[in-house]
Amino acid sequence: MTDTSATTDLLTLIGRAIEQLQRSVTLLEQCEKEGGVTGLADVINEIDQYLSSPDEDPLLCLASLPASHVREGLLGVRADLTSVIDVLRGNPS
């Protein structure tokens, strides 16, 4: 399980997500489906945590990124990961 206590900025979220996705892919390639699914779920949890307080992200202000665009993109990633998890668990939506 990933420690999500410090996900307060987009760069941290992206870095953690990339690391976790790499671990998940490796586990899935090794036929360790449950570990891979857990890793994907961890990424979803990180996204949810970030989306619960995007106003705390100083990088969005510095980069002049509209929070709505970031939110929309992250929700798309979240939906894609949820679909992958559903397929891996045998519950396609």
PDB file of N, CA and C in Angstrom:
ATOM      1  N   MET A   1       0.846  -1.178   0.000  1.00  0.00           N
ATOM      2  CA  MET A   1       0.000   0.000   0.000  1.00  0.00           C
ATOM      3  C   MET A   1       0.885   1.232   0.000  1.00  0.00           C
ATOM      4  N   THR A   2       0.530   2.224  -0.778  1.00  0.00           N
ATOM      5  CA  THR A   2       1.301   3.446  -0.894  1.00  0.00           C
ATOM      6  C   THR A   2       0.895   4.436   0.183  1.00  0.00           C
ATOM      7  N   ASP A   3       1.881   5.140   0.744  1.00  0.00           N
ATOM      8  CA  ASP A   3       1.597   6.197   1.703  1.00  0.00           C
ATOM      9  C   ASP A   3       1.103   7.403   0.937  1.00  0.00           C
ATOM     10  N   THR A   4      -0.145   7.786   1.145  1.00  0.00           N
ATOM     11  CA  THR A   4      -0.728   8.902   0.398  1.00  0.00           C
ATOM     12  C   THR A   4      -0.826  10.166   1.235  1.00  0.00           C
ATOM     13  N   SER A   5      -0.189  10.197   2.379  1.00  0.00           N
ATOM     14  CA  SER A   5      -0.365  11.309   3.300  1.00  0.00           C
ATOM     15  C   SER A   5       0.214  12.622   2.798  1.00  0.00           C
ATOM     16  N   ALA A   6       1.138  12.589   1.854  1.00  0.00           N
ATOM     17  CA  ALA A   6       1.786  13.820   1.436  1.00  0.00           C
ATOM     18  C   ALA A   6       1.501  14.203  -0.011  1.00  0.00           C
ATOM     19  N   THR A   7       0.458  13.679  -0.602  1.00  0.00           N
ATOM     20  CA  THR A   7       0.133  14.017  -1.987  1.00  0.00           C
ATOM     21  C   THR A   7      -0.582  15.358  -2.002  1.00  0.00           C
ATOM     22  N   THR A   8       0.202  16.427  -2.085  1.00  0.00           N
ATOM     23  CA  THR A   8      -0.395  17.754  -2.063  1.00  0.00           C
ATOM     24  C   THR A   8      -0.151  18.516  -3.354  1.00  0.00           C
ATOM     25  N   ASP A   9       0.686  17.989  -4.240  1.00  0.00           N
ATOM     26  CA  ASP A   9       0.909  18.697  -5.489  1.00  0.00           C
ATOM     27  C   ASP A   9       0.902  17.720  -6.658  1.00  0.00           C
ATOM     28  N   LEU A  10       0.661  18.267  -7.809  1.00  0.00           N
ATOM     29  CA  LEU A  10       0.494  17.463  -9.009  1.00  0.00           C
ATOM     30  C   LEU A  10       1.764  16.697  -9.367  1.00  0.00           C
ATOM     31  N   LEU A  11       2.921  17.321  -9.196  1.00  0.00           N
ATOM     32  CA  LEU A  11       4.164  16.628  -9.531  1.00  0.00           C
ATOM     33  C   LEU A  11       4.394  15.417  -8.638  1.00  0.00           C
ATOM     34  N   THR A  12       4.088  15.546  -7.361  1.00  0.00           N
ATOM     35  CA  THR A  12       4.215  14.405  -6.450  1.00  0.00           C
ATOM     36  C   THR A  12       3.248  13.305  -6.870  1.00  0.00           C
ATOM     37  N   LEU A  13       2.029  13.687  -7.181  1.00  0.00           N
ATOM     38  CA  LEU A  13       1.028  12.713  -7.627  1.00  0.00           C
ATOM     39  C   LEU A  13       1.508  11.981  -8.876  1.00  0.00           C
ATOM     40  N   ILE A  14       1.991  12.716  -9.855  1.00  0.00           N
ATOM     41  CA  ILE A  14       2.445  12.104 -11.106  1.00  0.00           C
ATOM     42  C   ILE A  14       3.621  11.162 -10.847  1.00  0.00           C
ATOM     43  N   GLY A  15       4.580  11.609 -10.051  1.00  0.00           N
ATOM     44  CA  GLY A  15       5.741  10.769  -9.756  1.00  0.00           C
ATOM     45  C   GLY A  15       5.355   9.480  -9.059  1.00  0.00           C
ATOM     46  N   ARG A  16       4.511   9.592  -8.044  1.00  0.00           N
ATOM     47  CA  ARG A  16       4.064   8.392  -7.320  1.00  0.00           C
ATOM     48  C   ARG A  16       3.247   7.472  -8.217  1.00  0.00           C
ATOM     49  N   ALA A  17       2.400   8.066  -9.046  1.00  0.00           N
ATOM     50  CA  ALA A  17       1.559   7.261  -9.933  1.00  0.00           C
ATOM     51  C   ALA A  17       2.416   6.485 -10.930  1.00  0.00           C
ATOM     52  N   ILE A  18       3.423   7.131 -11.499  1.00  0.00           N
ATOM     53  CA  ILE A  18       4.299   6.451 -12.457  1.00  0.00           C
ATOM     54  C   ILE A  18       5.004   5.277 -11.786  1.00  0.00           C
ATOM     55  N   GLU A  19       5.543   5.504 -10.599  1.00  0.00           N
ATOM     56  CA  GLU A  19       6.229   4.423  -9.879  1.00  0.00           C
ATOM     57  C   GLU A  19       5.274   3.262  -9.594  1.00  0.00           C
ATOM     58  N   GLN A  20       4.087   3.586  -9.119  1.00  0.00           N
ATOM     59  CA  GLN A  20       3.126   2.545  -8.773  1.00  0.00           C
ATOM     60  C   GLN A  20       2.630   1.810 -10.014  1.00  0.00           C
ATOM     61  N   LEU A  21       2.425   2.531 -11.097  1.00  0.00           N
ATOM     62  CA  LEU A  21       1.987   1.882 -12.335  1.00  0.00           C
ATOM     63  C   LEU A  21       3.063   0.946 -12.872  1.00  0.00           C
ATOM     64  N   GLN A  22       4.326   1.353 -12.774  1.00  0.00           N
ATOM     65  CA  GLN A  22       5.420   0.478 -13.201  1.00  0.00           C
ATOM     66  C   GLN A  22       5.446  -0.800 -12.367  1.00  0.00           C
ATOM     67  N   ARG A  23       5.284  -0.658 -11.049  1.00  0.00           N
ATOM     68  CA  ARG A  23       5.253  -1.842 -10.175  1.00  0.00           C
ATOM     69  C   ARG A  23       4.062  -2.730 -10.522  1.00  0.00           C
ATOM     70  N   SER A  24       2.919  -2.120 -10.781  1.00  0.00           N
ATOM     71  CA  SER A  24       1.714  -2.885 -11.109  1.00  0.00           C
ATOM     72  C   SER A  24       1.888  -3.658 -12.404  1.00  0.00           C
ATOM     73  N   VAL A  25       2.447  -3.027 -13.414  1.00  0.00           N
ATOM     74  CA  VAL A  25       2.669  -3.702 -14.692  1.00  0.00           C
ATOM     75  C   VAL A  25       3.619  -4.882 -14.495  1.00  0.00           C
ATOM     76  N   THR A  26       4.678  -4.670 -13.735  1.00  0.00           N
ATOM     77  CA  THR A  26       5.623  -5.761 -13.463  1.00  0.00           C
ATOM     78  C   THR A  26       4.919  -6.924 -12.780  1.00  0.00           C
ATOM     79  N   LEU A  27       4.099  -6.618 -11.782  1.00  0.00           N
ATOM     80  CA  LEU A  27       3.368  -7.679 -11.085  1.00  0.00           C
ATOM     81  C   LEU A  27       2.410  -8.404 -12.018  1.00  0.00           C
ATOM     82  N   LEU A  28       1.722  -7.659 -12.852  1.00  0.00           N
ATOM     83  CA  LEU A  28       0.787  -8.285 -13.788  1.00  0.00           C
ATOM     84  C   LEU A  28       1.523  -9.153 -14.804  1.00  0.00           C
ATOM     85  N   GLU A  29       2.696  -8.698 -15.257  1.00  0.00           N
ATOM     86  CA  GLU A  29       3.493  -9.500 -16.189  1.00  0.00           C
ATOM     87  C   GLU A  29       3.977 -10.789 -15.532  1.00  0.00           C
ATOM     88  N   GLN A  30       4.131 -10.760 -14.220  1.00  0.00           N
ATOM     89  CA  GLN A  30       4.572 -11.942 -13.475  1.00  0.00           C
ATOM     90  C   GLN A  30       3.371 -12.783 -13.015  1.00  0.00           C
ATOM     91  N   CYS A  31       2.204 -12.487 -13.573  1.00  0.00           N
ATOM     92  CA  CYS A  31       0.961 -13.199 -13.249  1.00  0.00           C
ATOM     93  C   CYS A  31       0.572 -13.063 -11.781  1.00  0.00           C
ATOM     94  N   GLU A  32       0.935 -11.958 -11.173  1.00  0.00           N
ATOM     95  CA  GLU A  32       0.521 -11.655  -9.805  1.00  0.00           C
ATOM     96  C   GLU A  32      -0.599 -10.621  -9.878  1.00  0.00           C
ATOM     97  N   LYS A  33      -1.754 -11.124 -10.342  1.00  0.00           N
ATOM     98  CA  LYS A  33      -2.885 -10.247 -10.641  1.00  0.00           C
ATOM     99  C   LYS A  33      -3.329  -9.415  -9.443  1.00  0.00           C
ATOM    100  N   GLU A  34      -3.454 -10.033  -8.280  1.00  0.00           N
ATOM    101  CA  GLU A  34      -3.975  -9.295  -7.123  1.00  0.00           C
ATOM    102  C   GLU A  34      -3.047  -8.157  -6.716  1.00  0.00           C
ATOM    103  N   GLY A  35      -1.741  -8.394  -6.764  1.00  0.00           N
ATOM    104  CA  GLY A  35      -0.787  -7.331  -6.443  1.00  0.00           C
ATOM    105  C   GLY A  35      -0.854  -6.200  -7.449  1.00  0.00           C
ATOM    106  N   GLY A  36      -1.018  -6.544  -8.726  1.00  0.00           N
ATOM    107  CA  GLY A  36      -1.145  -5.523  -9.762  1.00  0.00           C
ATOM    108  C   GLY A  36      -2.406  -4.702  -9.600  1.00  0.00           C
ATOM    109  N   VAL A  37      -3.499  -5.381  -9.287  1.00  0.00           N
ATOM    110  CA  VAL A  37      -4.775  -4.689  -9.078  1.00  0.00           C
ATOM    111  C   VAL A  37      -4.683  -3.770  -7.858  1.00  0.00           C
ATOM    112  N   THR A  38      -4.040  -4.251  -6.811  1.00  0.00           N
ATOM    113  CA  THR A  38      -3.874  -3.422  -5.610  1.00  0.00           C
ATOM    114  C   THR A  38      -3.078  -2.162  -5.934  1.00  0.00           C
ATOM    115  N   GLY A  39      -2.043  -2.308  -6.742  1.00  0.00           N
ATOM    116  CA  GLY A  39      -1.252  -1.145  -7.144  1.00  0.00           C
ATOM    117  C   GLY A  39      -2.060  -0.145  -7.948  1.00  0.00           C
ATOM    118  N   LEU A  40      -2.893  -0.646  -8.850  1.00  0.00           N
ATOM    119  CA  LEU A  40      -3.753   0.249  -9.634  1.00  0.00           C
ATOM    120  C   LEU A  40      -4.741   0.974  -8.720  1.00  0.00           C
ATOM    121  N   ALA A  41      -5.275   0.238  -7.743  1.00  0.00           N
ATOM    122  CA  ALA A  41      -6.200   0.851  -6.786  1.00  0.00           C
ATOM    123  C   ALA A  41      -5.494   1.920  -5.952  1.00  0.00           C
ATOM    124  N   ASP A  42      -4.221   1.699  -5.645  1.00  0.00           N
ATOM    125  CA  ASP A  42      -3.452   2.706  -4.906  1.00  0.00           C
ATOM    126  C   ASP A  42      -3.345   4.006  -5.698  1.00  0.00           C
ATOM    127  N   VAL A  43      -3.165   3.885  -7.009  1.00  0.00           N
ATOM    128  CA  VAL A  43      -3.094   5.083  -7.851  1.00  0.00           C
ATOM    129  C   VAL A  43      -4.432   5.819  -7.816  1.00  0.00           C
ATOM    130  N   ILE A  44      -5.519   5.076  -7.882  1.00  0.00           N
ATOM    131  CA  ILE A  44      -6.846   5.699  -7.793  1.00  0.00           C
ATOM    132  C   ILE A  44      -7.003   6.427  -6.462  1.00  0.00           C
ATOM    133  N   ASN A  45      -6.553   5.810  -5.388  1.00  0.00           N
ATOM    134  CA  ASN A  45      -6.630   6.455  -4.073  1.00  0.00           C
ATOM    135  C   ASN A  45      -5.812   7.735  -4.030  1.00  0.00           C
ATOM    136  N   GLU A  46      -4.641   7.725  -4.646  1.00  0.00           N
ATOM    137  CA  GLU A  46      -3.803   8.936  -4.711  1.00  0.00           C
ATOM    138  C   GLU A  46      -4.535  10.042  -5.472  1.00  0.00           C
ATOM    139  N   ILE A  47      -5.156   9.671  -6.590  1.00  0.00           N
ATOM    140  CA  ILE A  47      -5.907  10.650  -7.378  1.00  0.00           C
ATOM    141  C   ILE A  47      -7.054  11.219  -6.553  1.00  0.00           C
ATOM    142  N   ASP A  48      -7.795  10.347  -5.879  1.00  0.00           N
ATOM    143  CA  ASP A  48      -8.907  10.803  -5.048  1.00  0.00           C
ATOM    144  C   ASP A  48      -8.431  11.760  -3.958  1.00  0.00           C
ATOM    145  N   GLN A  49      -7.316  11.430  -3.336  1.00  0.00           N
ATOM    146  CA  GLN A  49      -6.792  12.294  -2.279  1.00  0.00           C
ATOM    147  C   GLN A  49      -6.416  13.658  -2.848  1.00  0.00           C
ATOM    148  N   TYR A  50      -5.749  13.656  -3.985  1.00  0.00           N
ATOM    149  CA  TYR A  50      -5.365  14.925  -4.600  1.00  0.00           C
ATOM    150  C   TYR A  50      -6.612  15.744  -4.959  1.00  0.00           C
ATOM    151  N   LEU A  51      -7.597  15.082  -5.554  1.00  0.00           N
ATOM    152  CA  LEU A  51      -8.803  15.796  -5.973  1.00  0.00           C
ATOM    153  C   LEU A  51      -9.621  16.327  -4.802  1.00  0.00           C
ATOM    154  N   SER A  52      -9.407  15.780  -3.618  1.00  0.00           N
ATOM    155  CA  SER A  52     -10.142  16.272  -2.458  1.00  0.00           C
ATOM    156  C   SER A  52      -9.636  17.636  -1.989  1.00  0.00           C
ATOM    157  N   SER A  53      -8.447  18.032  -2.423  1.00  0.00           N
ATOM    158  CA  SER A  53      -7.918  19.330  -1.995  1.00  0.00           C
ATOM    159  C   SER A  53      -6.987  19.945  -3.035  1.00  0.00           C
ATOM    160  N   PRO A  54      -7.450  20.104  -4.283  1.00  0.00           N
ATOM    161  CA  PRO A  54      -6.567  20.665  -5.315  1.00  0.00           C
ATOM    162  C   PRO A  54      -6.192  22.120  -5.058  1.00  0.00           C
ATOM    163  N   ASP A  55      -6.988  22.817  -4.264  1.00  0.00           N
ATOM    164  CA  ASP A  55      -6.687  24.217  -3.974  1.00  0.00           C
ATOM    165  C   ASP A  55      -5.418  24.374  -3.152  1.00  0.00           C
ATOM    166  N   GLU A  56      -4.953  23.284  -2.545  1.00  0.00           N
ATOM    167  CA  GLU A  56      -3.732  23.324  -1.755  1.00  0.00           C
ATOM    168  C   GLU A  56      -2.487  23.166  -2.623  1.00  0.00           C
ATOM    169  N   ASP A  57      -2.640  22.975  -3.912  1.00  0.00           N
ATOM    170  CA  ASP A  57      -1.499  22.746  -4.799  1.00  0.00           C
ATOM    171  C   ASP A  57      -0.924  24.073  -5.274  1.00  0.00           C
ATOM    172  N   PRO A  58       0.241  24.447  -4.757  1.00  0.00           N
ATOM    173  CA  PRO A  58       0.850  25.719  -5.169  1.00  0.00           C
ATOM    174  C   PRO A  58       1.313  25.701  -6.622  1.00  0.00           C
ATOM    175  N   LEU A  59       1.564  24.529  -7.172  1.00  0.00           N
ATOM    176  CA  LEU A  59       2.049  24.446  -8.547  1.00  0.00           C
ATOM    177  C   LEU A  59       1.009  24.873  -9.566  1.00  0.00           C
ATOM    178  N   LEU A  60      -0.255  24.634  -9.251  1.00  0.00           N
ATOM    179  CA  LEU A  60      -1.308  25.039 -10.193  1.00  0.00           C
ATOM    180  C   LEU A  60      -1.312  26.559 -10.351  1.00  0.00           C
ATOM    181  N   CYS A  61      -1.092  27.271  -9.268  1.00  0.00           N
ATOM    182  CA  CYS A  61      -1.051  28.735  -9.342  1.00  0.00           C
ATOM    183  C   CYS A  61       0.181  29.208 -10.104  1.00  0.00           C
ATOM    184  N   LEU A  62       1.319  28.609  -9.790  1.00  0.00           N
ATOM    185  CA  LEU A  62       2.567  29.012 -10.443  1.00  0.00           C
ATOM    186  C   LEU A  62       2.540  28.743 -11.936  1.00  0.00           C
ATOM    187  N   ALA A  63       1.954  27.654 -12.328  1.00  0.00           N
ATOM    188  CA  ALA A  63       1.932  27.269 -13.738  1.00  0.00           C
ATOM    189  C   ALA A  63       0.715  27.811 -14.467  1.00  0.00           C
ATOM    190  N   SER A  64      -0.150  28.493 -13.755  1.00  0.00           N
ATOM    191  CA  SER A  64      -1.394  29.017 -14.328  1.00  0.00           C
ATOM    192  C   SER A  64      -2.219  27.922 -15.001  1.00  0.00           C
ATOM    193  N   LEU A  65      -2.240  26.756 -14.370  1.00  0.00           N
ATOM    194  CA  LEU A  65      -3.055  25.652 -14.869  1.00  0.00           C
ATOM    195  C   LEU A  65      -4.453  25.752 -14.278  1.00  0.00           C
ATOM    196  N   PRO A  66      -5.469  25.723 -15.118  1.00  0.00           N
ATOM    197  CA  PRO A  66      -6.825  25.725 -14.573  1.00  0.00           C
ATOM    198  C   PRO A  66      -7.090  24.411 -13.832  1.00  0.00           C
ATOM    199  N   ALA A  67      -7.507  24.519 -12.604  1.00  0.00           N
ATOM    200  CA  ALA A  67      -7.787  23.330 -11.795  1.00  0.00           C
ATOM    201  C   ALA A  67      -8.832  22.443 -12.464  1.00  0.00           C
ATOM    202  N   SER A  68      -9.753  23.044 -13.198  1.00  0.00           N
ATOM    203  CA  SER A  68     -10.799  22.250 -13.861  1.00  0.00           C
ATOM    204  C   SER A  68     -10.211  21.330 -14.925  1.00  0.00           C
ATOM    205  N   HIS A  69      -9.185  21.785 -15.634  1.00  0.00           N
ATOM    206  CA  HIS A  69      -8.549  20.938 -16.650  1.00  0.00           C
ATOM    207  C   HIS A  69      -7.786  19.785 -16.007  1.00  0.00           C
ATOM    208  N   VAL A  70      -7.106  20.083 -14.917  1.00  0.00           N
ATOM    209  CA  VAL A  70      -6.366  19.050 -14.199  1.00  0.00           C
ATOM    210  C   VAL A  70      -7.347  18.024 -13.648  1.00  0.00           C
ATOM    211  N   ARG A  71      -8.418  18.509 -13.052  1.00  0.00           N
ATOM    212  CA  ARG A  71      -9.438  17.611 -12.491  1.00  0.00           C
ATOM    213  C   ARG A  71     -10.027  16.710 -13.573  1.00  0.00           C
ATOM    214  N   GLU A  72     -10.361  17.298 -14.709  1.00  0.00           N
ATOM    215  CA  GLU A  72     -10.950  16.538 -15.816  1.00  0.00           C
ATOM    216  C   GLU A  72      -9.987  15.443 -16.292  1.00  0.00           C
ATOM    217  N   GLY A  73      -8.721  15.792 -16.433  1.00  0.00           N
ATOM    218  CA  GLY A  73      -7.733  14.808 -16.863  1.00  0.00           C
ATOM    219  C   GLY A  73      -7.557  13.686 -15.863  1.00  0.00           C
ATOM    220  N   LEU A  74      -7.490  14.036 -14.576  1.00  0.00           N
ATOM    221  CA  LEU A  74      -7.324  13.021 -13.537  1.00  0.00           C
ATOM    222  C   LEU A  74      -8.549  12.128 -13.426  1.00  0.00           C
ATOM    223  N   LEU A  75      -9.716  12.683 -13.609  1.00  0.00           N
ATOM    224  CA  LEU A  75     -10.926  11.860 -13.584  1.00  0.00           C
ATOM    225  C   LEU A  75     -10.941  10.872 -14.755  1.00  0.00           C
ATOM    226  N   GLY A  76     -10.398  11.290 -15.898  1.00  0.00           N
ATOM    227  CA  GLY A  76     -10.288  10.387 -17.036  1.00  0.00           C
ATOM    228  C   GLY A  76      -9.333   9.237 -16.751  1.00  0.00           C
ATOM    229  N   VAL A  77      -8.190   9.551 -16.143  1.00  0.00           N
ATOM    230  CA  VAL A  77      -7.223   8.512 -15.769  1.00  0.00           C
ATOM    231  C   VAL A  77      -7.854   7.573 -14.754  1.00  0.00           C
ATOM    232  N   ARG A  78      -8.553   8.153 -13.800  1.00  0.00           N
ATOM    233  CA  ARG A  78      -9.217   7.347 -12.761  1.00  0.00           C
ATOM    234  C   ARG A  78     -10.221   6.377 -13.388  1.00  0.00           C
ATOM    235  N   ALA A  79     -11.005   6.873 -14.338  1.00  0.00           N
ATOM    236  CA  ALA A  79     -12.001   6.028 -15.007  1.00  0.00           C
ATOM    237  C   ALA A  79     -11.325   4.902 -15.788  1.00  0.00           C
ATOM    238  N   ASP A  80     -10.234   5.217 -16.465  1.00  0.00           N
ATOM    239  CA  ASP A  80      -9.507   4.191 -17.219  1.00  0.00           C
ATOM    240  C   ASP A  80      -8.955   3.114 -16.288  1.00  0.00           C
ATOM    241  N   LEU A  81      -8.359   3.528 -15.176  1.00  0.00           N
ATOM    242  CA  LEU A  81      -7.814   2.555 -14.224  1.00  0.00           C
ATOM    243  C   LEU A  81      -8.914   1.699 -13.616  1.00  0.00           C
ATOM    244  N   THR A  82     -10.052   2.308 -13.335  1.00  0.00           N
ATOM    245  CA  THR A  82     -11.185   1.558 -12.797  1.00  0.00           C
ATOM    246  C   THR A  82     -11.641   0.499 -13.795  1.00  0.00           C
ATOM    247  N   SER A  83     -11.679   0.840 -15.073  1.00  0.00           N
ATOM    248  CA  SER A  83     -12.068  -0.118 -16.113  1.00  0.00           C
ATOM    249  C   SER A  83     -11.076  -1.277 -16.190  1.00  0.00           C
ATOM    250  N   VAL A  84      -9.788  -0.975 -16.106  1.00  0.00           N
ATOM    251  CA  VAL A  84      -8.765  -2.017 -16.145  1.00  0.00           C
ATOM    252  C   VAL A  84      -8.927  -2.955 -14.949  1.00  0.00           C
ATOM    253  N   ILE A  85      -9.132  -2.381 -13.774  1.00  0.00           N
ATOM    254  CA  ILE A  85      -9.326  -3.201 -12.569  1.00  0.00           C
ATOM    255  C   ILE A  85     -10.548  -4.092 -12.735  1.00  0.00           C
ATOM    256  N   ASP A  86     -11.634  -3.541 -13.250  1.00  0.00           N
ATOM    257  CA  ASP A  86     -12.856  -4.331 -13.447  1.00  0.00           C
ATOM    258  C   ASP A  86     -12.596  -5.509 -14.382  1.00  0.00           C
ATOM    259  N   VAL A  87     -11.874  -5.277 -15.464  1.00  0.00           N
ATOM    260  CA  VAL A  87     -11.567  -6.362 -16.405  1.00  0.00           C
ATOM    261  C   VAL A  87     -10.684  -7.405 -15.741  1.00  0.00           C
ATOM    262  N   LEU A  88      -9.672  -6.964 -15.002  1.00  0.00           N
ATOM    263  CA  LEU A  88      -8.779  -7.911 -14.331  1.00  0.00           C
ATOM    264  C   LEU A  88      -9.504  -8.743 -13.285  1.00  0.00           C
ATOM    265  N   ARG A  89     -10.495  -8.154 -12.665  1.00  0.00           N
ATOM    266  CA  ARG A  89     -11.273  -8.883 -11.660  1.00  0.00           C
ATOM    267  C   ARG A  89     -12.405  -9.698 -12.280  1.00  0.00           C
ATOM    268  N   GLY A  90     -12.552  -9.572 -13.583  1.00  0.00           N
ATOM    269  CA  GLY A  90     -13.601 -10.333 -14.265  1.00  0.00           C
ATOM    270  C   GLY A  90     -14.960  -9.692 -14.165  1.00  0.00           C
ATOM    271  N   ASN A  91     -15.001  -8.384 -13.891  1.00  0.00           N
ATOM    272  CA  ASN A  91     -16.266  -7.655 -13.780  1.00  0.00           C
ATOM    273  C   ASN A  91     -16.300  -6.487 -14.759  1.00  0.00           C
ATOM    274  N   PRO A  92     -16.200  -6.740 -16.063  1.00  0.00           N
ATOM    275  CA  PRO A  92     -16.205  -5.603 -16.993  1.00  0.00           C
ATOM    276  C   PRO A  92     -17.508  -4.814 -16.887  1.00  0.00           C
ATOM    277  N   SER A  93     -17.354  -3.479 -16.903  1.00  0.00           N
ATOM    278  CA  SER A  93     -18.551  -2.641 -16.744  1.00  0.00           C
ATOM    279  C   SER A  93     -19.233  -2.342 -18.047  1.00  0.00           C
TER     280      SER A  93
END
